Amino acid sequence: MKLSNESKLSVFREKGRFAIYRKFSVFVDGTKIGKLGSGDKKSFTLNPGEHSVFIKIDWMKSNRVTFQVNESEEVGRIQPISAPLVTNGSRV
């Protein structure tokens, strides 16, 4: 049995009324890495080091969060529904 030394980011989108039938895009280091539907939890493999993440739907996006992940570590649990969304620098 081979042990995994992958680093991971886990992202959870809680269920809510906002955009319930739409998916939020997840961006790490400016690159889209996946989508989250209402109530979804996903894990994404990352290289160890410093990264930034934000969630986006249409013209709205969450604040960018910078974090450090070490080898074989799992970080995360960002909840985009409760994250402040911004449009043109103004909170929504």
N, C-alpha and C. Protein backbone atom coordinates (compact mmCIF):
# COMPACT_ATOMS: atom_id res chain seq x y z
N MET A 1 0.84 -1.18 0.00
CA MET A 1 0.00 0.00 0.00
C MET A 1 0.89 1.24 0.00
N LYS A 2 0.68 2.11 -0.98
CA LYS A 2 1.47 3.32 -1.10
C LYS A 2 0.79 4.46 -0.35
N LEU A 3 1.56 5.14 0.50
CA LEU A 3 1.01 6.27 1.23
C LEU A 3 1.06 7.51 0.36
N SER A 4 0.02 8.31 0.40
CA SER A 4 -0.05 9.51 -0.40
C SER A 4 0.63 10.68 0.32
N ASN A 5 1.44 11.44 -0.42
CA ASN A 5 2.04 12.64 0.17
C ASN A 5 1.48 13.88 -0.52
N GLU A 6 0.29 13.74 -1.14
CA GLU A 6 -0.34 14.85 -1.82
C GLU A 6 -0.87 15.88 -0.82
N SER A 7 -0.77 17.14 -1.18
CA SER A 7 -1.38 18.21 -0.41
C SER A 7 -2.74 18.48 -1.02
N LYS A 8 -3.71 18.83 -0.17
CA LYS A 8 -5.07 19.04 -0.67
C LYS A 8 -5.71 20.27 -0.07
N LEU A 9 -6.59 20.86 -0.87
CA LEU A 9 -7.46 21.94 -0.42
C LEU A 9 -8.88 21.39 -0.45
N SER A 10 -9.57 21.42 0.67
CA SER A 10 -10.97 21.00 0.73
C SER A 10 -11.85 22.23 0.78
N VAL A 11 -12.87 22.24 -0.05
CA VAL A 11 -13.77 23.38 -0.14
C VAL A 11 -15.20 22.88 0.03
N PHE A 12 -15.97 23.57 0.89
CA PHE A 12 -17.34 23.18 1.18
C PHE A 12 -18.26 24.36 0.88
N ARG A 13 -19.32 24.09 0.15
CA ARG A 13 -20.35 25.11 -0.08
C ARG A 13 -21.59 24.67 0.66
N GLU A 14 -21.97 25.45 1.65
CA GLU A 14 -23.17 25.10 2.41
C GLU A 14 -24.41 25.27 1.55
N LYS A 15 -25.48 24.59 1.93
CA LYS A 15 -26.75 24.74 1.23
C LYS A 15 -27.37 26.07 1.63
N GLY A 16 -27.97 26.72 0.69
CA GLY A 16 -28.60 28.00 0.96
C GLY A 16 -29.51 28.39 -0.19
N ARG A 17 -30.12 29.54 -0.08
CA ARG A 17 -31.05 30.00 -1.11
C ARG A 17 -30.37 30.69 -2.28
N PHE A 18 -29.21 31.30 -2.04
CA PHE A 18 -28.54 32.06 -3.09
C PHE A 18 -28.01 31.12 -4.17
N ALA A 19 -28.45 31.32 -5.40
CA ALA A 19 -27.96 30.57 -6.57
C ALA A 19 -27.99 29.06 -6.34
N ILE A 20 -29.06 28.56 -5.76
CA ILE A 20 -29.16 27.15 -5.38
C ILE A 20 -28.99 26.21 -6.57
N TYR A 21 -29.41 26.62 -7.76
CA TYR A 21 -29.31 25.76 -8.94
C TYR A 21 -28.10 26.09 -9.81
N ARG A 22 -27.22 26.94 -9.31
CA ARG A 22 -26.03 27.35 -10.06
C ARG A 22 -24.78 26.87 -9.35
N LYS A 23 -23.70 26.76 -10.09
CA LYS A 23 -22.43 26.32 -9.52
C LYS A 23 -21.48 27.50 -9.39
N PHE A 24 -20.71 27.50 -8.31
CA PHE A 24 -19.68 28.50 -8.08
C PHE A 24 -18.37 27.95 -8.62
N SER A 25 -17.58 28.78 -9.29
CA SER A 25 -16.26 28.37 -9.78
C SER A 25 -15.23 28.60 -8.68
N VAL A 26 -14.29 27.65 -8.53
CA VAL A 26 -13.22 27.73 -7.54
C VAL A 26 -11.92 28.03 -8.29
N PHE A 27 -11.22 29.09 -7.86
CA PHE A 27 -9.95 29.49 -8.48
C PHE A 27 -8.82 29.37 -7.46
N VAL A 28 -7.73 28.73 -7.85
CA VAL A 28 -6.52 28.68 -7.03
C VAL A 28 -5.39 29.27 -7.85
N ASP A 29 -4.71 30.24 -7.28
CA ASP A 29 -3.61 30.94 -7.96
C ASP A 29 -4.05 31.49 -9.31
N GLY A 30 -5.30 31.95 -9.39
CA GLY A 30 -5.83 32.57 -10.59
C GLY A 30 -6.32 31.61 -11.66
N THR A 31 -6.23 30.30 -11.40
CA THR A 31 -6.65 29.28 -12.37
C THR A 31 -7.90 28.56 -11.86
N LYS A 32 -8.90 28.44 -12.73
CA LYS A 32 -10.13 27.72 -12.35
C LYS A 32 -9.82 26.24 -12.21
N ILE A 33 -10.13 25.68 -11.02
CA ILE A 33 -9.81 24.27 -10.77
C ILE A 33 -11.05 23.40 -10.59
N GLY A 34 -12.23 24.01 -10.52
CA GLY A 34 -13.44 23.20 -10.38
C GLY A 34 -14.65 24.05 -10.08
N LYS A 35 -15.78 23.37 -9.86
CA LYS A 35 -17.05 24.03 -9.56
C LYS A 35 -17.70 23.36 -8.37
N LEU A 36 -18.48 24.15 -7.63
CA LEU A 36 -19.21 23.65 -6.46
C LEU A 36 -20.70 23.95 -6.59
N GLY A 37 -21.52 22.92 -6.47
CA GLY A 37 -22.96 23.10 -6.41
C GLY A 37 -23.38 23.25 -4.96
N SER A 38 -24.63 23.54 -4.73
CA SER A 38 -25.16 23.71 -3.38
C SER A 38 -24.96 22.43 -2.57
N GLY A 39 -24.31 22.53 -1.41
CA GLY A 39 -24.07 21.38 -0.53
C GLY A 39 -22.88 20.53 -0.92
N ASP A 40 -22.13 20.92 -1.96
CA ASP A 40 -20.97 20.12 -2.40
C ASP A 40 -19.76 20.30 -1.49
N LYS A 41 -18.98 19.24 -1.37
CA LYS A 41 -17.66 19.29 -0.74
C LYS A 41 -16.70 18.60 -1.70
N LYS A 42 -15.63 19.30 -2.07
CA LYS A 42 -14.65 18.74 -2.99
C LYS A 42 -13.25 18.99 -2.45
N SER A 43 -12.34 18.10 -2.83
CA SER A 43 -10.93 18.26 -2.50
C SER A 43 -10.13 18.37 -3.79
N PHE A 44 -9.17 19.28 -3.79
CA PHE A 44 -8.33 19.51 -4.95
C PHE A 44 -6.87 19.31 -4.55
N THR A 45 -6.11 18.61 -5.38
CA THR A 45 -4.70 18.34 -5.12
C THR A 45 -3.87 19.57 -5.48
N LEU A 46 -2.97 19.93 -4.58
CA LEU A 46 -2.09 21.09 -4.78
C LEU A 46 -0.64 20.70 -4.52
N ASN A 47 0.27 21.46 -5.09
CA ASN A 47 1.67 21.32 -4.72
C ASN A 47 1.87 22.02 -3.38
N PRO A 48 2.79 21.53 -2.54
CA PRO A 48 3.08 22.23 -1.29
C PRO A 48 3.55 23.66 -1.58
N GLY A 49 3.24 24.59 -0.68
CA GLY A 49 3.66 25.97 -0.84
C GLY A 49 2.52 26.93 -0.55
N GLU A 50 2.74 28.19 -0.94
CA GLU A 50 1.75 29.23 -0.71
C GLU A 50 0.81 29.32 -1.91
N HIS A 51 -0.48 29.46 -1.62
CA HIS A 51 -1.50 29.54 -2.66
C HIS A 51 -2.53 30.59 -2.27
N SER A 52 -3.33 31.01 -3.27
CA SER A 52 -4.47 31.89 -2.99
C SER A 52 -5.70 31.26 -3.63
N VAL A 53 -6.85 31.49 -3.01
CA VAL A 53 -8.10 30.90 -3.49
C VAL A 53 -9.21 31.94 -3.41
N PHE A 54 -10.11 31.89 -4.39
CA PHE A 54 -11.34 32.66 -4.32
C PHE A 54 -12.43 31.92 -5.07
N ILE A 55 -13.67 32.28 -4.80
CA ILE A 55 -14.85 31.66 -5.39
C ILE A 55 -15.56 32.72 -6.24
N LYS A 56 -16.10 32.33 -7.39
CA LYS A 56 -16.70 33.30 -8.29
C LYS A 56 -17.97 32.76 -8.92
N ILE A 57 -18.95 33.64 -9.09
CA ILE A 57 -20.15 33.34 -9.87
C ILE A 57 -20.50 34.62 -10.61
N ASP A 58 -20.61 34.53 -11.92
CA ASP A 58 -20.89 35.70 -12.76
C ASP A 58 -19.86 36.80 -12.47
N TRP A 59 -20.32 38.00 -12.16
CA TRP A 59 -19.43 39.13 -11.90
C TRP A 59 -19.09 39.28 -10.41
N MET A 60 -19.61 38.39 -9.56
CA MET A 60 -19.36 38.47 -8.12
C MET A 60 -18.30 37.46 -7.72
N LYS A 61 -17.46 37.85 -6.76
CA LYS A 61 -16.47 36.91 -6.26
C LYS A 61 -16.18 37.17 -4.79
N SER A 62 -15.69 36.13 -4.13
CA SER A 62 -15.33 36.25 -2.72
C SER A 62 -14.00 36.97 -2.61
N ASN A 63 -13.65 37.33 -1.40
CA ASN A 63 -12.32 37.86 -1.14
C ASN A 63 -11.29 36.77 -1.41
N ARG A 64 -10.12 37.17 -1.84
CA ARG A 64 -9.02 36.22 -2.07
C ARG A 64 -8.40 35.87 -0.71
N VAL A 65 -8.19 34.56 -0.49
CA VAL A 65 -7.58 34.08 0.75
C VAL A 65 -6.25 33.42 0.39
N THR A 66 -5.17 33.86 1.07
CA THR A 66 -3.85 33.27 0.85
C THR A 66 -3.57 32.31 2.00
N PHE A 67 -3.00 31.15 1.67
CA PHE A 67 -2.72 30.13 2.68
C PHE A 67 -1.48 29.34 2.31
N GLN A 68 -0.93 28.66 3.28
CA GLN A 68 0.25 27.81 3.12
C GLN A 68 -0.18 26.37 3.31
N VAL A 69 0.28 25.48 2.43
CA VAL A 69 -0.02 24.05 2.59
C VAL A 69 1.29 23.28 2.53
N ASN A 70 1.46 22.38 3.47
CA ASN A 70 2.67 21.55 3.53
C ASN A 70 2.42 20.21 2.86
N GLU A 71 3.48 19.47 2.60
CA GLU A 71 3.37 18.15 1.99
C GLU A 71 2.50 17.25 2.86
N SER A 72 1.61 16.50 2.24
CA SER A 72 0.70 15.54 2.89
C SER A 72 -0.32 16.22 3.80
N GLU A 73 -0.56 17.51 3.63
CA GLU A 73 -1.49 18.24 4.49
C GLU A 73 -2.78 18.55 3.72
N GLU A 74 -3.89 18.56 4.45
CA GLU A 74 -5.16 18.99 3.87
C GLU A 74 -5.60 20.26 4.59
N VAL A 75 -5.90 21.29 3.83
CA VAL A 75 -6.34 22.56 4.40
C VAL A 75 -7.68 22.93 3.81
N GLY A 76 -8.38 23.85 4.46
CA GLY A 76 -9.57 24.39 3.85
C GLY A 76 -10.80 24.43 4.69
N ARG A 77 -11.89 24.39 4.03
CA ARG A 77 -13.28 24.54 4.45
C ARG A 77 -13.69 25.98 4.29
N ILE A 78 -13.58 26.46 3.09
CA ILE A 78 -14.08 27.78 2.73
C ILE A 78 -15.55 27.63 2.38
N GLN A 79 -16.39 28.49 2.90
CA GLN A 79 -17.82 28.41 2.64
C GLN A 79 -18.23 29.62 1.81
N PRO A 80 -18.31 29.45 0.49
CA PRO A 80 -18.57 30.60 -0.37
C PRO A 80 -19.89 31.30 -0.15
N ILE A 81 -20.92 30.61 0.33
CA ILE A 81 -22.20 31.27 0.56
C ILE A 81 -22.07 32.34 1.63
N SER A 82 -21.26 32.07 2.67
CA SER A 82 -21.13 33.04 3.75
C SER A 82 -19.98 34.01 3.52
N ALA A 83 -19.17 33.78 2.47
CA ALA A 83 -18.08 34.71 2.17
C ALA A 83 -18.66 35.96 1.53
N PRO A 84 -18.12 37.13 1.87
CA PRO A 84 -18.65 38.35 1.25
C PRO A 84 -18.36 38.35 -0.24
N LEU A 85 -19.36 38.64 -1.04
CA LEU A 85 -19.17 38.74 -2.48
C LEU A 85 -18.97 40.21 -2.82
N VAL A 86 -18.11 40.47 -3.79
CA VAL A 86 -17.84 41.85 -4.18
C VAL A 86 -18.11 42.00 -5.67
N THR A 87 -18.53 43.17 -6.04
CA THR A 87 -18.69 43.51 -7.45
C THR A 87 -18.15 44.93 -7.63
N ASN A 88 -17.17 45.08 -8.48
CA ASN A 88 -16.51 46.38 -8.70
C ASN A 88 -16.03 47.02 -7.39
N GLY A 89 -15.53 46.20 -6.47
CA GLY A 89 -15.00 46.70 -5.21
C GLY A 89 -16.03 46.97 -4.14
N SER A 90 -17.32 46.78 -4.42
CA SER A 90 -18.37 47.02 -3.43
C SER A 90 -18.92 45.70 -2.94
N ARG A 91 -19.15 45.62 -1.65
CA ARG A 91 -19.73 44.38 -1.09
C ARG A 91 -21.18 44.25 -1.51
N VAL A 92 -21.58 42.98 -1.72
CA VAL A 92 -22.96 42.69 -2.11
C VAL A 92 -23.65 41.99 -0.97
